[in-house]
Amino acid sequence: MDSHTTDRSDEGGMKESRRRSGAPRGEVLSEFDAGSDHFRVELRGHDLWGVEVLVFQNGALLYRRRFYTRELAEQWAHDQRAELQRGNSN
């Protein structure tokens, strides 16, 4: 890194912003199998834009949705898991 390049990962309160949103990037909320498929549900914080739930099926992004709070995101993720385990997806 030269004098004109800076590492901004700790500048501007990035870590603090992630704490406020409730979910660090890529936090695995759950992993489970349904039928022959493997699902992974992640939470990702987006600073002031809320918390995003990403649902992966066999490693590929199936869908995502963003919420204002972590609590709403976790509830939706819980409901989606129940639907996926019953064989339905929305």
N, C-alpha and C. Protein backbone atom coordinates (compact mmCIF):
# COMPACT_ATOMS: atom_id res chain seq x y z
N MET A 1 0.85 -1.18 0.00
CA MET A 1 0.00 0.00 0.00
C MET A 1 0.89 1.24 0.00
N ASP A 2 0.70 2.13 -0.98
CA ASP A 2 1.51 3.34 -1.02
C ASP A 2 0.83 4.46 -0.24
N SER A 3 1.45 5.64 -0.25
CA SER A 3 0.93 6.74 0.55
C SER A 3 -0.40 7.28 0.04
N HIS A 4 -0.78 6.94 -1.18
CA HIS A 4 -2.04 7.42 -1.74
C HIS A 4 -3.18 6.40 -1.60
N THR A 5 -2.86 5.24 -1.07
CA THR A 5 -3.86 4.19 -0.91
C THR A 5 -4.14 4.01 0.57
N THR A 6 -5.40 3.95 0.91
CA THR A 6 -5.74 3.75 2.31
C THR A 6 -6.70 2.57 2.44
N ASP A 7 -6.63 1.92 3.54
CA ASP A 7 -7.56 0.85 3.86
C ASP A 7 -8.72 1.49 4.60
N ARG A 8 -9.88 1.50 4.00
CA ARG A 8 -11.03 2.18 4.58
C ARG A 8 -11.93 1.24 5.37
N SER A 9 -11.52 0.02 5.60
CA SER A 9 -12.41 -0.94 6.25
C SER A 9 -12.80 -0.52 7.66
N ASP A 10 -11.95 0.26 8.34
CA ASP A 10 -12.27 0.68 9.70
C ASP A 10 -12.63 2.16 9.79
N GLU A 11 -12.61 2.86 8.64
CA GLU A 11 -12.89 4.28 8.65
C GLU A 11 -14.39 4.52 8.52
N GLY A 12 -14.83 5.66 8.96
CA GLY A 12 -16.22 6.07 8.75
C GLY A 12 -17.23 5.30 9.56
N GLY A 13 -16.79 4.62 10.59
CA GLY A 13 -17.73 3.92 11.44
C GLY A 13 -18.40 2.72 10.81
N MET A 14 -17.76 2.07 9.84
CA MET A 14 -18.36 0.93 9.16
C MET A 14 -18.76 -0.16 10.13
N LYS A 15 -17.88 -0.49 11.07
CA LYS A 15 -18.22 -1.53 12.04
C LYS A 15 -19.39 -1.09 12.90
N GLU A 16 -19.41 0.17 13.29
CA GLU A 16 -20.52 0.68 14.08
C GLU A 16 -21.82 0.62 13.29
N SER A 17 -21.78 0.96 12.00
CA SER A 17 -22.97 0.91 11.17
C SER A 17 -23.52 -0.49 11.08
N ARG A 18 -22.67 -1.46 10.94
CA ARG A 18 -23.13 -2.85 10.87
C ARG A 18 -23.77 -3.28 12.17
N ARG A 19 -23.25 -2.82 13.29
CA ARG A 19 -23.86 -3.16 14.57
C ARG A 19 -25.25 -2.54 14.69
N ARG A 20 -25.42 -1.31 14.22
CA ARG A 20 -26.73 -0.65 14.29
C ARG A 20 -27.76 -1.40 13.48
N SER A 21 -27.39 -1.93 12.32
CA SER A 21 -28.35 -2.62 11.47
C SER A 21 -28.70 -3.99 12.03
N GLY A 22 -27.87 -4.54 12.90
CA GLY A 22 -28.21 -5.78 13.56
C GLY A 22 -27.62 -7.03 12.96
N ALA A 23 -27.01 -6.96 11.80
CA ALA A 23 -26.48 -8.17 11.19
C ALA A 23 -25.20 -7.87 10.41
N PRO A 24 -24.11 -8.50 10.79
CA PRO A 24 -22.89 -8.34 9.99
C PRO A 24 -23.08 -9.03 8.65
N ARG A 25 -22.29 -8.66 7.67
CA ARG A 25 -22.40 -9.27 6.35
C ARG A 25 -22.19 -10.78 6.43
N GLY A 26 -23.10 -11.51 5.78
CA GLY A 26 -22.93 -12.95 5.64
C GLY A 26 -23.15 -13.76 6.90
N GLU A 27 -23.93 -13.28 7.85
CA GLU A 27 -24.20 -14.05 9.05
C GLU A 27 -25.16 -15.19 8.70
N VAL A 28 -24.73 -16.43 8.89
CA VAL A 28 -25.59 -17.57 8.58
C VAL A 28 -26.62 -17.72 9.69
N LEU A 29 -27.88 -17.59 9.32
CA LEU A 29 -28.97 -17.71 10.28
C LEU A 29 -29.37 -19.17 10.45
N SER A 30 -29.43 -19.90 9.34
CA SER A 30 -29.76 -21.33 9.43
C SER A 30 -29.33 -22.05 8.16
N GLU A 31 -29.15 -23.35 8.31
CA GLU A 31 -28.90 -24.25 7.20
C GLU A 31 -29.72 -25.49 7.45
N PHE A 32 -30.34 -26.00 6.40
CA PHE A 32 -31.19 -27.17 6.57
C PHE A 32 -31.38 -27.87 5.23
N ASP A 33 -31.80 -29.11 5.30
CA ASP A 33 -32.11 -29.89 4.12
C ASP A 33 -33.61 -30.06 4.02
N ALA A 34 -34.13 -29.97 2.82
CA ALA A 34 -35.54 -30.22 2.55
C ALA A 34 -35.59 -31.05 1.28
N GLY A 35 -36.06 -32.26 1.41
CA GLY A 35 -36.02 -33.17 0.27
C GLY A 35 -34.58 -33.43 -0.11
N SER A 36 -34.26 -33.27 -1.37
CA SER A 36 -32.88 -33.49 -1.83
C SER A 36 -32.08 -32.19 -1.91
N ASP A 37 -32.66 -31.09 -1.44
CA ASP A 37 -32.02 -29.77 -1.54
C ASP A 37 -31.45 -29.32 -0.21
N HIS A 38 -30.36 -28.56 -0.30
CA HIS A 38 -29.74 -27.95 0.88
C HIS A 38 -30.00 -26.45 0.80
N PHE A 39 -30.47 -25.87 1.90
CA PHE A 39 -30.78 -24.45 1.97
C PHE A 39 -29.90 -23.77 3.02
N ARG A 40 -29.50 -22.54 2.72
CA ARG A 40 -28.76 -21.71 3.67
C ARG A 40 -29.44 -20.35 3.68
N VAL A 41 -29.68 -19.84 4.87
CA VAL A 41 -30.31 -18.53 5.03
C VAL A 41 -29.31 -17.62 5.71
N GLU A 42 -29.03 -16.48 5.07
CA GLU A 42 -28.05 -15.52 5.60
C GLU A 42 -28.74 -14.19 5.88
N LEU A 43 -28.21 -13.50 6.87
CA LEU A 43 -28.59 -12.11 7.13
C LEU A 43 -27.40 -11.24 6.76
N ARG A 44 -27.69 -10.12 6.11
CA ARG A 44 -26.63 -9.17 5.78
C ARG A 44 -27.10 -7.77 6.14
N GLY A 45 -26.26 -7.08 6.89
CA GLY A 45 -26.57 -5.71 7.27
C GLY A 45 -26.24 -4.76 6.15
N HIS A 46 -27.10 -3.77 5.94
CA HIS A 46 -26.88 -2.76 4.90
C HIS A 46 -26.94 -1.37 5.51
N ASP A 47 -26.19 -1.22 6.58
CA ASP A 47 -26.08 0.08 7.23
C ASP A 47 -27.46 0.68 7.49
N LEU A 48 -27.72 1.83 6.97
CA LEU A 48 -28.98 2.52 7.25
C LEU A 48 -30.15 1.97 6.44
N TRP A 49 -29.89 1.05 5.49
CA TRP A 49 -30.94 0.51 4.64
C TRP A 49 -31.55 -0.77 5.19
N GLY A 50 -31.14 -1.19 6.36
CA GLY A 50 -31.78 -2.33 7.00
C GLY A 50 -30.99 -3.62 6.93
N VAL A 51 -31.73 -4.71 6.99
CA VAL A 51 -31.16 -6.05 7.03
C VAL A 51 -31.78 -6.85 5.89
N GLU A 52 -30.93 -7.55 5.17
CA GLU A 52 -31.39 -8.36 4.04
C GLU A 52 -31.30 -9.83 4.39
N VAL A 53 -32.32 -10.58 3.99
CA VAL A 53 -32.31 -12.03 4.12
C VAL A 53 -32.04 -12.59 2.74
N LEU A 54 -31.04 -13.47 2.65
CA LEU A 54 -30.74 -14.16 1.40
C LEU A 54 -30.96 -15.65 1.61
N VAL A 55 -31.69 -16.27 0.70
CA VAL A 55 -31.96 -17.70 0.77
C VAL A 55 -31.26 -18.36 -0.40
N PHE A 56 -30.38 -19.31 -0.09
CA PHE A 56 -29.64 -20.05 -1.10
C PHE A 56 -30.15 -21.48 -1.16
N GLN A 57 -30.29 -22.00 -2.36
CA GLN A 57 -30.68 -23.39 -2.57
C GLN A 57 -29.54 -24.06 -3.31
N ASN A 58 -28.95 -25.06 -2.68
CA ASN A 58 -27.81 -25.79 -3.25
C ASN A 58 -26.70 -24.83 -3.70
N GLY A 59 -26.47 -23.79 -2.92
CA GLY A 59 -25.38 -22.85 -3.18
C GLY A 59 -25.72 -21.70 -4.10
N ALA A 60 -26.89 -21.73 -4.75
CA ALA A 60 -27.29 -20.65 -5.66
C ALA A 60 -28.34 -19.78 -4.98
N LEU A 61 -28.25 -18.47 -5.19
CA LEU A 61 -29.22 -17.56 -4.61
C LEU A 61 -30.60 -17.87 -5.15
N LEU A 62 -31.52 -18.16 -4.26
CA LEU A 62 -32.91 -18.45 -4.64
C LEU A 62 -33.73 -17.16 -4.64
N TYR A 63 -33.66 -16.39 -3.54
CA TYR A 63 -34.29 -15.09 -3.46
C TYR A 63 -33.76 -14.33 -2.26
N ARG A 64 -34.11 -13.03 -2.23
CA ARG A 64 -33.67 -12.15 -1.15
C ARG A 64 -34.77 -11.15 -0.85
N ARG A 65 -34.73 -10.63 0.37
CA ARG A 65 -35.70 -9.60 0.76
C ARG A 65 -35.07 -8.74 1.85
N ARG A 66 -35.37 -7.45 1.81
CA ARG A 66 -34.79 -6.51 2.78
C ARG A 66 -35.86 -6.03 3.76
N PHE A 67 -35.42 -5.84 5.02
CA PHE A 67 -36.31 -5.41 6.09
C PHE A 67 -35.67 -4.26 6.84
N TYR A 68 -36.51 -3.49 7.53
CA TYR A 68 -36.01 -2.37 8.31
C TYR A 68 -35.31 -2.80 9.59
N THR A 69 -35.75 -3.92 10.16
CA THR A 69 -35.16 -4.37 11.42
C THR A 69 -34.73 -5.83 11.35
N ARG A 70 -33.82 -6.19 12.20
CA ARG A 70 -33.36 -7.57 12.30
C ARG A 70 -34.50 -8.49 12.73
N GLU A 71 -35.32 -8.02 13.65
CA GLU A 71 -36.43 -8.84 14.15
C GLU A 71 -37.39 -9.23 13.03
N LEU A 72 -37.74 -8.27 12.18
CA LEU A 72 -38.61 -8.57 11.04
C LEU A 72 -37.94 -9.55 10.08
N ALA A 73 -36.66 -9.36 9.85
CA ALA A 73 -35.92 -10.25 8.95
C ALA A 73 -35.88 -11.67 9.50
N GLU A 74 -35.61 -11.80 10.79
CA GLU A 74 -35.54 -13.13 11.39
C GLU A 74 -36.91 -13.83 11.37
N GLN A 75 -37.98 -13.09 11.61
CA GLN A 75 -39.31 -13.69 11.58
C GLN A 75 -39.66 -14.18 10.18
N TRP A 76 -39.37 -13.36 9.18
CA TRP A 76 -39.64 -13.75 7.80
C TRP A 76 -38.81 -14.97 7.42
N ALA A 77 -37.54 -14.97 7.80
CA ALA A 77 -36.67 -16.11 7.50
C ALA A 77 -37.19 -17.38 8.15
N HIS A 78 -37.66 -17.27 9.38
CA HIS A 78 -38.24 -18.42 10.09
C HIS A 78 -39.47 -18.95 9.33
N ASP A 79 -40.34 -18.04 8.91
CA ASP A 79 -41.53 -18.43 8.16
C ASP A 79 -41.16 -19.09 6.82
N GLN A 80 -40.15 -18.54 6.14
CA GLN A 80 -39.72 -19.10 4.86
C GLN A 80 -39.15 -20.51 5.04
N ARG A 81 -38.41 -20.71 6.11
CA ARG A 81 -37.86 -22.04 6.38
C ARG A 81 -39.00 -23.04 6.54
N ALA A 82 -40.02 -22.67 7.29
CA ALA A 82 -41.17 -23.56 7.48
C ALA A 82 -41.83 -23.89 6.14
N GLU A 83 -41.99 -22.88 5.28
CA GLU A 83 -42.59 -23.09 3.96
C GLU A 83 -41.73 -24.01 3.10
N LEU A 84 -40.43 -23.76 3.10
CA LEU A 84 -39.51 -24.59 2.29
C LEU A 84 -39.50 -26.03 2.78
N GLN A 85 -39.56 -26.22 4.07
CA GLN A 85 -39.57 -27.57 4.60
C GLN A 85 -40.88 -28.30 4.31
N ARG A 86 -41.95 -27.53 4.09
CA ARG A 86 -43.23 -28.13 3.69
C ARG A 86 -43.28 -28.36 2.18
N GLY A 87 -42.28 -27.81 1.46
CA GLY A 87 -42.24 -28.00 0.01
C GLY A 87 -42.81 -26.84 -0.79
N ASN A 88 -43.03 -25.71 -0.12
CA ASN A 88 -43.54 -24.51 -0.79
C ASN A 88 -42.48 -23.42 -0.71
N SER A 89 -42.45 -22.53 -1.69
CA SER A 89 -41.57 -21.36 -1.60
C SER A 89 -42.31 -20.15 -2.14
N ASN A 90 -42.08 -19.00 -1.50
CA ASN A 90 -42.72 -17.75 -1.92
C ASN A 90 -41.69 -16.72 -2.23
